[in-house]
Amino acid sequence: MNAPSLSEIRSSAGRELTDEKMDQVRELLVGDAMRRVEARVANLESRLAEVELGLSRQLDALEARIDGLAGASASDRKLAFEALAGSVSDLSEQIRRISRS
């Protein structure tokens, strides 16, 4: 068997203790700054989500407005063509009357 030796066990326990102490030192040195940065990032992500939602709503409203304008424009165009067709028909009738006279 390849059982670890007593010196390996001691050195490994020493490394774990050193790692714990380094984690504690790291927490003391930069822990507060990291928490503030994380809070700011979370706040920015929240604000970004709100902006995305607002933009999505505005785009939906704009699309509905464009659809409404397109429908109104098509209706106006149809009425204008009908009026033009009526005018052409009237003009055609007047030309016939003039030619008969």
N, C-alpha and C. Protein backbone atom coordinates (compact mmCIF):
# COMPACT_ATOMS: atom_id res chain seq x y z
N MET A 1 0.83 -1.19 0.00
CA MET A 1 0.00 0.00 0.00
C MET A 1 0.86 1.24 0.00
N ASN A 2 0.29 2.28 -0.51
CA ASN A 2 0.99 3.56 -0.55
C ASN A 2 0.39 4.50 0.48
N ALA A 3 0.52 4.19 1.71
CA ALA A 3 0.00 5.05 2.78
C ALA A 3 0.91 6.25 2.94
N PRO A 4 0.33 7.42 3.20
CA PRO A 4 1.18 8.61 3.37
C PRO A 4 2.01 8.48 4.63
N SER A 5 3.19 9.03 4.54
CA SER A 5 4.08 8.98 5.71
C SER A 5 3.65 10.04 6.71
N LEU A 6 4.18 9.92 7.92
CA LEU A 6 3.86 10.86 8.99
C LEU A 6 4.30 12.26 8.62
N SER A 7 5.41 12.40 7.98
CA SER A 7 5.91 13.73 7.59
C SER A 7 5.00 14.35 6.52
N GLU A 8 4.49 13.52 5.61
CA GLU A 8 3.56 14.03 4.58
C GLU A 8 2.26 14.51 5.22
N ILE A 9 1.77 13.75 6.21
CA ILE A 9 0.54 14.14 6.90
C ILE A 9 0.75 15.47 7.63
N ARG A 10 1.91 15.61 8.29
CA ARG A 10 2.19 16.86 9.03
C ARG A 10 2.32 18.05 8.07
N SER A 11 3.00 17.82 6.94
CA SER A 11 3.18 18.93 6.01
C SER A 11 1.84 19.32 5.37
N SER A 12 0.99 18.34 5.14
CA SER A 12 -0.32 18.63 4.57
C SER A 12 -1.19 19.38 5.57
N ALA A 13 -1.15 19.02 6.84
CA ALA A 13 -1.91 19.73 7.87
C ALA A 13 -1.37 21.15 8.02
N GLY A 14 -0.06 21.29 7.89
CA GLY A 14 0.54 22.62 7.96
C GLY A 14 0.09 23.49 6.80
N ARG A 15 -0.02 22.90 5.61
CA ARG A 15 -0.47 23.65 4.43
C ARG A 15 -1.92 24.09 4.61
N GLU A 16 -2.76 23.20 5.13
CA GLU A 16 -4.17 23.54 5.33
C GLU A 16 -4.29 24.69 6.33
N LEU A 17 -3.50 24.64 7.40
CA LEU A 17 -3.52 25.71 8.40
C LEU A 17 -3.04 27.01 7.77
N THR A 18 -1.98 26.92 6.95
CA THR A 18 -1.46 28.11 6.27
C THR A 18 -2.51 28.65 5.30
N ASP A 19 -3.19 27.76 4.58
CA ASP A 19 -4.24 28.18 3.65
C ASP A 19 -5.36 28.89 4.39
N GLU A 20 -5.75 28.37 5.55
CA GLU A 20 -6.80 29.01 6.35
C GLU A 20 -6.37 30.39 6.80
N LYS A 21 -5.12 30.49 7.25
CA LYS A 21 -4.62 31.79 7.70
C LYS A 21 -4.56 32.77 6.53
N MET A 22 -4.14 32.29 5.37
CA MET A 22 -4.09 33.16 4.19
C MET A 22 -5.50 33.62 3.81
N ASP A 23 -6.47 32.73 3.92
CA ASP A 23 -7.85 33.11 3.63
C ASP A 23 -8.33 34.18 4.61
N GLN A 24 -7.96 34.04 5.87
CA GLN A 24 -8.33 35.04 6.87
C GLN A 24 -7.68 36.38 6.57
N VAL A 25 -6.41 36.35 6.23
CA VAL A 25 -5.70 37.60 5.90
C VAL A 25 -6.32 38.23 4.66
N ARG A 26 -6.60 37.42 3.65
CA ARG A 26 -7.22 37.92 2.42
C ARG A 26 -8.58 38.55 2.73
N GLU A 27 -9.35 37.91 3.60
CA GLU A 27 -10.66 38.44 3.99
C GLU A 27 -10.50 39.79 4.68
N LEU A 28 -9.52 39.89 5.57
CA LEU A 28 -9.29 41.16 6.28
C LEU A 28 -8.84 42.26 5.32
N LEU A 29 -8.00 41.91 4.36
CA LEU A 29 -7.46 42.93 3.47
C LEU A 29 -8.45 43.38 2.40
N VAL A 30 -9.11 42.45 1.76
CA VAL A 30 -9.95 42.81 0.61
C VAL A 30 -11.40 42.37 0.74
N GLY A 31 -11.77 41.77 1.82
CA GLY A 31 -13.13 41.25 1.98
C GLY A 31 -14.19 42.32 1.87
N ASP A 32 -14.00 43.45 2.56
CA ASP A 32 -14.99 44.52 2.54
C ASP A 32 -15.10 45.13 1.14
N ALA A 33 -13.96 45.32 0.50
CA ALA A 33 -13.97 45.89 -0.85
C ALA A 33 -14.69 44.94 -1.82
N MET A 34 -14.44 43.66 -1.69
CA MET A 34 -15.10 42.69 -2.57
C MET A 34 -16.61 42.68 -2.35
N ARG A 35 -17.04 42.79 -1.10
CA ARG A 35 -18.48 42.82 -0.81
C ARG A 35 -19.11 44.07 -1.43
N ARG A 36 -18.41 45.21 -1.33
CA ARG A 36 -18.94 46.44 -1.93
C ARG A 36 -19.02 46.32 -3.45
N VAL A 37 -17.99 45.75 -4.05
CA VAL A 37 -17.99 45.57 -5.50
C VAL A 37 -19.12 44.64 -5.91
N GLU A 38 -19.29 43.55 -5.19
CA GLU A 38 -20.36 42.61 -5.50
C GLU A 38 -21.73 43.27 -5.36
N ALA A 39 -21.90 44.11 -4.35
CA ALA A 39 -23.17 44.83 -4.17
C ALA A 39 -23.41 45.79 -5.32
N ARG A 40 -22.36 46.49 -5.75
CA ARG A 40 -22.49 47.42 -6.88
C ARG A 40 -22.83 46.68 -8.17
N VAL A 41 -22.19 45.55 -8.39
CA VAL A 41 -22.47 44.75 -9.59
C VAL A 41 -23.92 44.27 -9.56
N ALA A 42 -24.38 43.80 -8.41
CA ALA A 42 -25.76 43.35 -8.29
C ALA A 42 -26.72 44.51 -8.56
N ASN A 43 -26.40 45.70 -8.05
CA ASN A 43 -27.24 46.88 -8.28
C ASN A 43 -27.26 47.23 -9.77
N LEU A 44 -26.11 47.20 -10.41
CA LEU A 44 -26.04 47.50 -11.84
C LEU A 44 -26.82 46.48 -12.66
N GLU A 45 -26.72 45.22 -12.29
CA GLU A 45 -27.48 44.18 -13.00
C GLU A 45 -28.98 44.40 -12.85
N SER A 46 -29.40 44.81 -11.67
CA SER A 46 -30.81 45.09 -11.43
C SER A 46 -31.27 46.28 -12.27
N ARG A 47 -30.47 47.34 -12.28
CA ARG A 47 -30.82 48.52 -13.08
C ARG A 47 -30.84 48.18 -14.57
N LEU A 48 -29.90 47.36 -15.02
CA LEU A 48 -29.88 46.95 -16.41
C LEU A 48 -31.14 46.17 -16.78
N ALA A 49 -31.57 45.29 -15.90
CA ALA A 49 -32.80 44.54 -16.14
C ALA A 49 -34.00 45.48 -16.24
N GLU A 50 -34.04 46.51 -15.39
CA GLU A 50 -35.13 47.49 -15.45
C GLU A 50 -35.10 48.26 -16.77
N VAL A 51 -33.91 48.65 -17.21
CA VAL A 51 -33.78 49.39 -18.47
C VAL A 51 -34.22 48.52 -19.63
N GLU A 52 -33.79 47.25 -19.62
CA GLU A 52 -34.19 46.33 -20.69
C GLU A 52 -35.71 46.17 -20.73
N LEU A 53 -36.33 46.05 -19.57
CA LEU A 53 -37.78 45.91 -19.52
C LEU A 53 -38.47 47.18 -20.04
N GLY A 54 -37.96 48.33 -19.63
CA GLY A 54 -38.52 49.60 -20.11
C GLY A 54 -38.38 49.75 -21.62
N LEU A 55 -37.21 49.40 -22.15
CA LEU A 55 -37.01 49.48 -23.59
C LEU A 55 -37.92 48.52 -24.34
N SER A 56 -38.10 47.35 -23.78
CA SER A 56 -38.98 46.37 -24.41
C SER A 56 -40.41 46.91 -24.48
N ARG A 57 -40.86 47.51 -23.41
CA ARG A 57 -42.22 48.09 -23.41
C ARG A 57 -42.33 49.23 -24.41
N GLN A 58 -41.31 50.08 -24.46
CA GLN A 58 -41.34 51.20 -25.40
C GLN A 58 -41.32 50.71 -26.84
N LEU A 59 -40.53 49.68 -27.12
CA LEU A 59 -40.50 49.13 -28.46
C LEU A 59 -41.85 48.52 -28.85
N ASP A 60 -42.49 47.85 -27.90
CA ASP A 60 -43.82 47.29 -28.17
C ASP A 60 -44.82 48.40 -28.48
N ALA A 61 -44.76 49.48 -27.70
CA ALA A 61 -45.66 50.61 -27.94
C ALA A 61 -45.37 51.26 -29.29
N LEU A 62 -44.10 51.40 -29.63
CA LEU A 62 -43.72 51.98 -30.91
C LEU A 62 -44.20 51.11 -32.07
N GLU A 63 -44.04 49.81 -31.92
CA GLU A 63 -44.50 48.90 -32.97
C GLU A 63 -46.01 49.00 -33.16
N ALA A 64 -46.76 49.09 -32.06
CA ALA A 64 -48.21 49.23 -32.15
C ALA A 64 -48.58 50.55 -32.84
N ARG A 65 -47.84 51.61 -32.51
CA ARG A 65 -48.10 52.92 -33.12
C ARG A 65 -47.82 52.88 -34.62
N ILE A 66 -46.71 52.25 -35.01
CA ILE A 66 -46.37 52.14 -36.43
C ILE A 66 -47.43 51.32 -37.17
N ASP A 67 -47.88 50.24 -36.57
CA ASP A 67 -48.94 49.43 -37.19
C ASP A 67 -50.21 50.26 -37.37
N GLY A 68 -50.54 51.06 -36.36
CA GLY A 68 -51.73 51.91 -36.46
C GLY A 68 -51.58 52.95 -37.56
N LEU A 69 -50.41 53.56 -37.64
CA LEU A 69 -50.17 54.56 -38.70
C LEU A 69 -50.20 53.91 -40.08
N ALA A 70 -49.65 52.70 -40.19
CA ALA A 70 -49.65 52.01 -41.48
C ALA A 70 -51.08 51.69 -41.90
N GLY A 71 -51.90 51.28 -40.95
CA GLY A 71 -53.31 51.01 -41.26
C GLY A 71 -54.04 52.27 -41.68
N ALA A 72 -53.80 53.36 -40.97
CA ALA A 72 -54.45 54.63 -41.32
C ALA A 72 -53.97 55.12 -42.68
N SER A 73 -52.68 54.96 -42.95
CA SER A 73 -52.13 55.39 -44.24
C SER A 73 -52.75 54.59 -45.38
N ALA A 74 -52.88 53.29 -45.20
CA ALA A 74 -53.49 52.44 -46.23
C ALA A 74 -54.94 52.85 -46.47
N SER A 75 -55.64 53.16 -45.41
CA SER A 75 -57.04 53.59 -45.53
C SER A 75 -57.12 54.93 -46.27
N ASP A 76 -56.23 55.86 -45.90
CA ASP A 76 -56.22 57.17 -46.57
C ASP A 76 -55.87 57.01 -48.05
N ARG A 77 -54.92 56.15 -48.34
CA ARG A 77 -54.51 55.91 -49.73
C ARG A 77 -55.68 55.34 -50.53
N LYS A 78 -56.41 54.42 -49.94
CA LYS A 78 -57.56 53.81 -50.63
C LYS A 78 -58.61 54.87 -50.92
N LEU A 79 -58.89 55.73 -49.94
CA LEU A 79 -59.87 56.79 -50.16
C LEU A 79 -59.41 57.76 -51.25
N ALA A 80 -58.11 58.08 -51.26
CA ALA A 80 -57.58 58.99 -52.28
C ALA A 80 -57.69 58.37 -53.67
N PHE A 81 -57.39 57.08 -53.80
CA PHE A 81 -57.51 56.42 -55.10
C PHE A 81 -58.96 56.36 -55.55
N GLU A 82 -59.87 56.12 -54.62
CA GLU A 82 -61.30 56.09 -54.97
C GLU A 82 -61.75 57.47 -55.45
N ALA A 83 -61.30 58.52 -54.76
CA ALA A 83 -61.65 59.88 -55.17
C ALA A 83 -61.05 60.19 -56.54
N LEU A 84 -59.81 59.77 -56.76
CA LEU A 84 -59.16 59.98 -58.06
C LEU A 84 -59.90 59.23 -59.16
N ALA A 85 -60.28 58.00 -58.88
CA ALA A 85 -61.03 57.21 -59.87
C ALA A 85 -62.35 57.89 -60.19
N GLY A 86 -63.02 58.41 -59.18
CA GLY A 86 -64.28 59.14 -59.42
C GLY A 86 -64.06 60.37 -60.26
N SER A 87 -62.98 61.10 -59.99
CA SER A 87 -62.66 62.30 -60.77
C SER A 87 -62.35 61.94 -62.22
N VAL A 88 -61.60 60.87 -62.44
CA VAL A 88 -61.27 60.43 -63.79
C VAL A 88 -62.55 60.02 -64.52
N SER A 89 -63.43 59.34 -63.83
CA SER A 89 -64.70 58.93 -64.43
C SER A 89 -65.53 60.15 -64.81
N ASP A 90 -65.60 61.14 -63.92
CA ASP A 90 -66.34 62.38 -64.21
C ASP A 90 -65.73 63.10 -65.41
N LEU A 91 -64.39 63.17 -65.44
CA LEU A 91 -63.70 63.83 -66.53
C LEU A 91 -63.96 63.09 -67.84
N SER A 92 -63.96 61.78 -67.79
CA SER A 92 -64.24 60.97 -68.97
C SER A 92 -65.66 61.27 -69.48
N GLU A 93 -66.59 61.35 -68.58
CA GLU A 93 -67.98 61.65 -68.96
C GLU A 93 -68.08 63.04 -69.56
N GLN A 94 -67.40 64.01 -69.01
CA GLN A 94 -67.42 65.38 -69.56
C GLN A 94 -66.81 65.41 -70.95
N ILE A 95 -65.73 64.65 -71.17
CA ILE A 95 -65.10 64.60 -72.49
C ILE A 95 -66.07 64.01 -73.50
N ARG A 96 -66.80 62.99 -73.13
CA ARG A 96 -67.79 62.37 -74.04
C ARG A 96 -68.87 63.36 -74.41
N ARG A 97 -69.34 64.10 -73.40
CA ARG A 97 -70.40 65.09 -73.67
C ARG A 97 -69.89 66.18 -74.62
N ILE A 98 -68.66 66.60 -74.41
CA ILE A 98 -68.11 67.67 -75.24
C ILE A 98 -67.93 67.15 -76.68
N SER A 99 -67.49 65.91 -76.79
CA SER A 99 -67.27 65.35 -78.13
C SER A 99 -68.57 65.15 -78.88
N ARG A 100 -69.70 64.94 -78.23
CA ARG A 100 -71.00 64.76 -78.86
C ARG A 100 -71.57 66.07 -79.35
N SER A 101 -71.17 67.14 -78.70
CA SER A 101 -71.75 68.42 -79.04
C SER A 101 -71.21 69.01 -80.29
